[in-house]
C-alpha atoms as a PDB file:
ATOM      1  CA  MET A   1      65.656 176.052  82.959  1.00  0.00           C
ATOM      2  CA  LYS A   2      64.801 179.748  81.973  1.00  0.00           C
ATOM      3  CA  ILE A   3      67.003 182.202  82.061  1.00  0.00           C
ATOM      4  CA  GLY A   4      66.746 186.144  81.840  1.00  0.00           C
ATOM      5  CA  VAL A   5      69.752 188.080  80.169  1.00  0.00           C
ATOM      6  CA  ILE A   6      69.839 191.699  80.476  1.00  0.00           C
ATOM      7  CA  SER A   7      72.564 194.293  80.438  1.00  0.00           C
ATOM      8  CA  ASP A   8      73.332 198.036  80.522  1.00  0.00           C
ATOM      9  CA  THR A   9      70.414 199.187  82.616  1.00  0.00           C
ATOM     10  CA  HIS A  10      72.430 202.214  84.031  1.00  0.00           C
ATOM     11  CA  GLY A  11      70.435 202.681  87.099  1.00  0.00           C
ATOM     12  CA  TYR A  12      66.965 202.458  85.382  1.00  0.00           C
ATOM     13  CA  PHE A  13      64.890 199.515  86.042  1.00  0.00           C
ATOM     14  CA  ASP A  14      62.014 199.280  83.466  1.00  0.00           C
ATOM     15  CA  PRO A  15      58.959 198.067  85.000  1.00  0.00           C
ATOM     16  CA  ARG A  16      58.010 196.006  81.983  1.00  0.00           C
ATOM     17  CA  LEU A  17      60.916 193.565  82.841  1.00  0.00           C
ATOM     18  CA  ARG A  18      58.771 192.126  85.385  1.00  0.00           C
ATOM     19  CA  GLU A  19      56.281 191.096  82.612  1.00  0.00           C
ATOM     20  CA  VAL A  20      58.964 190.042  80.184  1.00  0.00           C
ATOM     21  CA  LEU A  21      61.301 187.937  82.832  1.00  0.00           C
ATOM     22  CA  ALA A  22      58.197 186.421  84.646  1.00  0.00           C
ATOM     23  CA  GLY A  23      58.842 182.681  85.197  1.00  0.00           C
ATOM     24  CA  VAL A  24      62.865 182.563  84.839  1.00  0.00           C
ATOM     25  CA  ASP A  25      64.698 180.833  87.265  1.00  0.00           C
ATOM     26  CA  VAL A  26      67.965 183.169  87.323  1.00  0.00           C
ATOM     27  CA  ILE A  27      68.412 186.419  86.000  1.00  0.00           C
ATOM     28  CA  LEU A  28      72.358 187.339  84.263  1.00  0.00           C
ATOM     29  CA  HIS A  29      73.239 191.196  84.068  1.00  0.00           C
ATOM     30  CA  GLY A  30      76.162 191.563  81.557  1.00  0.00           C
ATOM     31  CA  GLY A  31      77.154 194.962  83.456  1.00  0.00           C
ATOM     32  CA  ASP A  32      76.748 198.675  83.812  1.00  0.00           C
ATOM     33  CA  ILE A  33      73.943 198.186  86.298  1.00  0.00           C
ATOM     34  CA  GLY A  34      74.046 201.570  87.567  1.00  0.00           C
ATOM     35  CA  SER A  35      72.782 200.831  90.888  1.00  0.00           C
ATOM     36  CA  GLN A  36      72.131 198.261  93.740  1.00  0.00           C
ATOM     37  CA  GLN A  37      68.188 199.415  93.332  1.00  0.00           C
ATOM     38  CA  VAL A  38      68.294 197.953  89.833  1.00  0.00           C
ATOM     39  CA  LEU A  39      69.688 194.659  91.575  1.00  0.00           C
ATOM     40  CA  ASP A  40      67.240 194.321  94.189  1.00  0.00           C
ATOM     41  CA  GLU A  41      64.590 195.026  91.656  1.00  0.00           C
ATOM     42  CA  LEU A  42      65.671 192.165  89.423  1.00  0.00           C
ATOM     43  CA  SER A  43      66.058 190.071  92.571  1.00  0.00           C
ATOM     44  CA  GLN A  44      62.305 190.283  93.227  1.00  0.00           C
ATOM     45  CA  ILE A  45      61.629 188.580  90.005  1.00  0.00           C
ATOM     46  CA  ALA A  46      64.556 185.809  90.103  1.00  0.00           C
ATOM     47  CA  PRO A  47      68.051 185.387  91.858  1.00  0.00           C
ATOM     48  CA  ALA A  48      69.987 187.768  89.941  1.00  0.00           C
ATOM     49  CA  ARG A  49      73.937 187.441  89.039  1.00  0.00           C
ATOM     50  CA  ALA A  50      75.783 190.341  87.786  1.00  0.00           C
ATOM     51  CA  VAL A  51      79.180 191.839  86.277  1.00  0.00           C
ATOM     52  CA  ARG A  52      80.821 194.907  87.102  1.00  0.00           C
ATOM     53  CA  GLY A  53      80.577 197.438  83.792  1.00  0.00           C
ATOM     54  CA  ASN A  54      83.041 199.984  82.779  1.00  0.00           C
ATOM     55  CA  VAL A  55      80.823 202.609  84.163  1.00  0.00           C
ATOM     56  CA  ASP A  56      79.407 200.786  87.674  1.00  0.00           C
ATOM     57  CA  PRO A  57      80.323 202.887  90.700  1.00  0.00           C
ATOM     58  CA  PRO A  58      82.934 201.364  92.866  1.00  0.00           C
ATOM     59  CA  ASP A  59      80.771 200.534  95.437  1.00  0.00           C
ATOM     60  CA  LEU A  60      78.484 198.302  93.711  1.00  0.00           C
ATOM     61  CA  ASN A  61      79.609 195.001  94.747  1.00  0.00           C
ATOM     62  CA  VAL A  62      79.820 192.675  91.753  1.00  0.00           C
ATOM     63  CA  PRO A  63      82.676 190.954  90.284  1.00  0.00           C
ATOM     64  CA  ARG A  64      84.108 191.593  86.722  1.00  0.00           C
ATOM     65  CA  SER A  65      83.269 188.496  85.562  1.00  0.00           C
ATOM     66  CA  LEU A  66      81.416 184.995  86.404  1.00  0.00           C
ATOM     67  CA  LYS A  67      81.704 181.498  85.467  1.00  0.00           C
ATOM     68  CA  LEU A  68      78.716 179.503  86.064  1.00  0.00           C
ATOM     69  CA  ASP A  69      77.374 176.247  85.808  1.00  0.00           C
ATOM     70  CA  LEU A  70      73.522 176.394  84.750  1.00  0.00           C
ATOM     71  CA  GLU A  71      72.244 172.789  84.140  1.00  0.00           C
ATOM     72  CA  GLY A  72      75.096 171.456  82.687  1.00  0.00           C
ATOM     73  CA  LEU A  73      75.572 174.441  80.317  1.00  0.00           C
ATOM     74  CA  GLN A  74      79.136 176.402  81.263  1.00  0.00           C
ATOM     75  CA  VAL A  75      78.688 179.986  80.967  1.00  0.00           C
ATOM     76  CA  GLU A  76      80.704 183.033  81.207  1.00  0.00           C
ATOM     77  CA  VAL A  77      79.612 186.573  82.046  1.00  0.00           C
ATOM     78  CA  LEU A  78      81.611 189.597  81.558  1.00  0.00           C
ATOM     79  CA  HIS A  79      80.883 193.134  80.405  1.00  0.00           C
ATOM     80  CA  ILE A  80      83.424 193.884  77.433  1.00  0.00           C
ATOM     81  CA  LEU A  81      84.427 191.280  74.955  1.00  0.00           C
ATOM     82  CA  PRO A  82      87.890 191.097  74.078  1.00  0.00           C
ATOM     83  CA  ILE A  83      87.283 192.168  70.422  1.00  0.00           C
ATOM     84  CA  PRO A  84      84.875 194.424  68.735  1.00  0.00           C
ATOM     85  CA  GLN A  85      81.075 193.241  68.683  1.00  0.00           C
ATOM     86  CA  SER A  86      81.147 193.673  65.030  1.00  0.00           C
ATOM     87  CA  LEU A  87      84.179 191.368  64.550  1.00  0.00           C
ATOM     88  CA  LEU A  88      82.420 188.464  66.032  1.00  0.00           C
ATOM     89  CA  GLU A  89      79.290 189.038  64.033  1.00  0.00           C
ATOM     90  CA  GLU A  90      81.424 189.116  61.188  1.00  0.00           C
ATOM     91  CA  TRP A  91      83.124 185.833  62.168  1.00  0.00           C
ATOM     92  CA  SER A  92      79.814 184.116  63.216  1.00  0.00           C
ATOM     93  CA  ASP A  93      78.926 180.892  61.941  1.00  0.00           C
ATOM     94  CA  ALA A  94      75.734 182.800  60.519  1.00  0.00           C
ATOM     95  CA  ALA A  95      77.407 185.556  58.752  1.00  0.00           C
ATOM     96  CA  ILE A  96      79.299 182.374  56.681  1.00  0.00           C
ATOM     97  CA  PRO A  97      76.991 179.464  55.939  1.00  0.00           C
ATOM     98  CA  GLY A  98      79.106 176.593  54.711  1.00  0.00           C
ATOM     99  CA  GLY A  99      82.336 178.408  55.335  1.00  0.00           C
ATOM    100  CA  ARG A 100      84.311 178.748  58.427  1.00  0.00           C
ATOM    101  CA  ALA A 101      85.621 181.634  60.592  1.00  0.00           C
ATOM    102  CA  PRO A 102      89.469 183.011  60.027  1.00  0.00           C
ATOM    103  CA  LYS A 103      92.058 181.202  61.783  1.00  0.00           C
ATOM    104  CA  ARG A 104      92.410 184.431  64.220  1.00  0.00           C
ATOM    105  CA  SER A 105      89.168 183.415  65.880  1.00  0.00           C
ATOM    106  CA  GLU A 106      90.602 180.294  67.272  1.00  0.00           C
ATOM    107  CA  LYS A 107      93.027 183.096  69.341  1.00  0.00           C
ATOM    108  CA  PHE A 108      89.563 184.819  70.838  1.00  0.00           C
ATOM    109  CA  LEU A 109      88.065 181.412  71.351  1.00  0.00           C
ATOM    110  CA  LYS A 110      90.885 180.589  73.561  1.00  0.00           C
ATOM    111  CA  THR A 111      90.011 183.323  75.923  1.00  0.00           C
ATOM    112  CA  PHE A 112      87.170 181.400  77.368  1.00  0.00           C
ATOM    113  CA  ASP A 113      87.448 178.001  79.082  1.00  0.00           C
ATOM    114  CA  GLU A 114      87.145 174.947  76.985  1.00  0.00           C
ATOM    115  CA  ALA A 115      83.718 173.988  78.413  1.00  0.00           C
ATOM    116  CA  THR A 116      81.988 177.288  78.086  1.00  0.00           C
ATOM    117  CA  GLY A 117      78.817 177.099  75.729  1.00  0.00           C
ATOM    118  CA  LEU A 118      77.515 180.570  76.624  1.00  0.00           C
ATOM    119  CA  VAL A 119      79.250 183.917  76.677  1.00  0.00           C
ATOM    120  CA  VAL A 120      77.027 186.693  77.844  1.00  0.00           C
ATOM    121  CA  PHE A 121      78.333 190.247  77.539  1.00  0.00           C
ATOM    122  CA  GLY A 122      76.903 193.600  77.227  1.00  0.00           C
ATOM    123  CA  HIS A 123      78.474 197.256  76.627  1.00  0.00           C
ATOM    124  CA  THR A 124      77.584 198.292  73.090  1.00  0.00           C
ATOM    125  CA  HIS A 125      74.055 198.387  73.471  1.00  0.00           C
ATOM    126  CA  ALA A 126      73.447 196.712  70.329  1.00  0.00           C
ATOM    127  CA  PRO A 127      71.429 193.350  70.660  1.00  0.00           C
ATOM    128  CA  CYS A 128      73.928 190.292  69.422  1.00  0.00           C
ATOM    129  CA  LEU A 129      73.268 186.536  69.300  1.00  0.00           C
ATOM    130  CA  ALA A 130      75.989 185.073  67.346  1.00  0.00           C
ATOM    131  CA  THR A 131      77.671 181.548  67.457  1.00  0.00           C
ATOM    132  CA  LEU A 132      81.059 180.766  66.745  1.00  0.00           C
ATOM    133  CA  GLY A 133      81.787 176.830  66.694  1.00  0.00           C
ATOM    134  CA  ASP A 134      79.828 175.505  69.612  1.00  0.00           C
ATOM    135  CA  ARG A 135      79.695 178.580  71.381  1.00  0.00           C
ATOM    136  CA  LEU A 136      76.972 181.183  71.683  1.00  0.00           C
ATOM    137  CA  PHE A 137      77.690 185.014  72.383  1.00  0.00           C
ATOM    138  CA  PHE A 138      74.690 186.771  73.812  1.00  0.00           C
ATOM    139  CA  ASN A 139      74.416 190.629  73.934  1.00  0.00           C
ATOM    140  CA  PRO A 140      70.906 190.869  75.174  1.00  0.00           C
ATOM    141  CA  GLY A 141      71.397 195.252  74.263  1.00  0.00           C
ATOM    142  CA  SER A 142      70.370 197.713  76.522  1.00  0.00           C
ATOM    143  CA  ALA A 143      67.334 197.483  78.969  1.00  0.00           C
ATOM    144  CA  GLY A 144      68.117 201.435  80.088  1.00  0.00           C
ATOM    145  CA  LYS A 145      66.708 204.327  79.057  1.00  0.00           C
ATOM    146  CA  LYS A 146      66.484 204.946  75.176  1.00  0.00           C
ATOM    147  CA  ARG A 147      70.227 205.688  74.240  1.00  0.00           C
ATOM    148  CA  PHE A 148      71.518 206.178  70.322  1.00  0.00           C
ATOM    149  CA  ASP A 149      69.266 204.925  67.530  1.00  0.00           C
ATOM    150  CA  LEU A 150      69.086 201.101  69.453  1.00  0.00           C
ATOM    151  CA  PRO A 151      66.432 199.017  70.709  1.00  0.00           C
ATOM    152  CA  ARG A 152      65.754 198.932  74.134  1.00  0.00           C
ATOM    153  CA  CYS A 153      65.443 195.156  74.892  1.00  0.00           C
ATOM    154  CA  CYS A 154      66.633 192.097  77.286  1.00  0.00           C
ATOM    155  CA  GLY A 155      66.803 188.549  76.532  1.00  0.00           C
ATOM    156  CA  LEU A 156      65.473 184.993  77.311  1.00  0.00           C
ATOM    157  CA  LEU A 157      67.401 181.881  77.094  1.00  0.00           C
ATOM    158  CA  GLU A 158      65.942 178.173  77.737  1.00  0.00           C
ATOM    159  CA  VAL A 159      68.342 175.285  78.716  1.00  0.00           C
ATOM    160  CA  LEU A 160      66.611 172.379  77.203  1.00  0.00           C
ATOM    161  CA  PRO A 161      67.688 168.519  77.070  1.00  0.00           C
ATOM    162  CA  GLY A 162      70.778 168.574  74.762  1.00  0.00           C
ATOM    163  CA  ARG A 163      70.077 171.874  73.533  1.00  0.00           C
ATOM    164  CA  ILE A 164      70.054 175.793  74.029  1.00  0.00           C
ATOM    165  CA  ARG A 165      67.436 178.370  72.780  1.00  0.00           C
ATOM    166  CA  ALA A 166      68.090 182.263  72.986  1.00  0.00           C
ATOM    167  CA  SER A 167      66.070 185.377  71.921  1.00  0.00           C
ATOM    168  CA  ILE A 168      65.879 189.040  72.157  1.00  0.00           C
ATOM    169  CA  GLU A 169      62.986 190.405  73.643  1.00  0.00           C
ATOM    170  CA  PRO A 170      62.267 194.034  72.870  1.00  0.00           C
ATOM    171  CA  LEU A 171      60.979 196.547  75.757  1.00  0.00           C
ATOM    172  CA  GLU A 172      59.134 199.001  73.408  1.00  0.00           C
ATOM    173  CA  LYS A 173      58.046 198.895  69.807  1.00  0.00           C
ATOM    174  CA  TYR A 174      60.843 199.040  67.478  1.00  0.00           C
ATOM    175  CA  ASP A 175      60.478 198.965  63.863  1.00  0.00           C
ATOM    176  CA  GLY A 176      64.096 197.867  63.097  1.00  0.00           C
ATOM    177  CA  VAL A 177      65.310 194.326  62.826  1.00  0.00           C
ATOM    178  CA  LEU A 178      66.191 192.290  65.790  1.00  0.00           C
ATOM    179  CA  PRO A 179      68.683 189.520  65.574  1.00  0.00           C
ATOM    180  CA  PRO A 180      66.820 186.199  65.015  1.00  0.00           C
ATOM    181  CA  SER A 181      66.152 183.527  67.889  1.00  0.00           C
ATOM    182  CA  VAL A 182      69.319 180.988  67.897  1.00  0.00           C
ATOM    183  CA  GLU A 183      68.593 177.087  68.760  1.00  0.00           C
ATOM    184  CA  MET A 184      71.982 175.134  69.032  1.00  0.00           C
ATOM    185  CA  GLU A 185      73.096 171.740  70.687  1.00  0.00           C
ATOM    186  CA  LEU A 186      75.095 172.304  73.837  1.00  0.00           C
ATOM    187  CA  LYS A 187      78.669 171.317  74.242  1.00  0.00           C
ATOM    188  CA  GLY A 188      79.558 168.113  75.184  1.00  0.00           C
END
């Protein structure tokens, strides 16, 4: 199964998304959608599931969070993590090779269902692929119009037998460094 991951469009649908997300089976939007029109455009590519962001209009009929089962992968989608993204990145297994995340990360992990293997989020506009224990935390960055000094991007996720593969896909030329792709075993 192929999954498109997008967030923080803020009412802007980038036509390049049609090409980058071509062939995905479902699209997950991590909030700050901006308008129903964006969801309608995404739904022309693949079925789109979305959550409400902190600046979405009240008439946008989407939940604050979602829990999904995608071919055995338990997924939670929310807009804002209960900790700063920078702390998640600091705790990430990739940041402490051979080490262990601090004890306080266990309290954070308990905010998610035990079976959850993937957490999709947004809000910061900064792309992030972080592993913590047996979970992947995936912020695709912002696919909206250019803001700050951050790349405009989205993400792709592939659910394979017994594992998942995730990558950040730029929507425009970007000379900076994007998070490297991640491949990990599925929970369970």
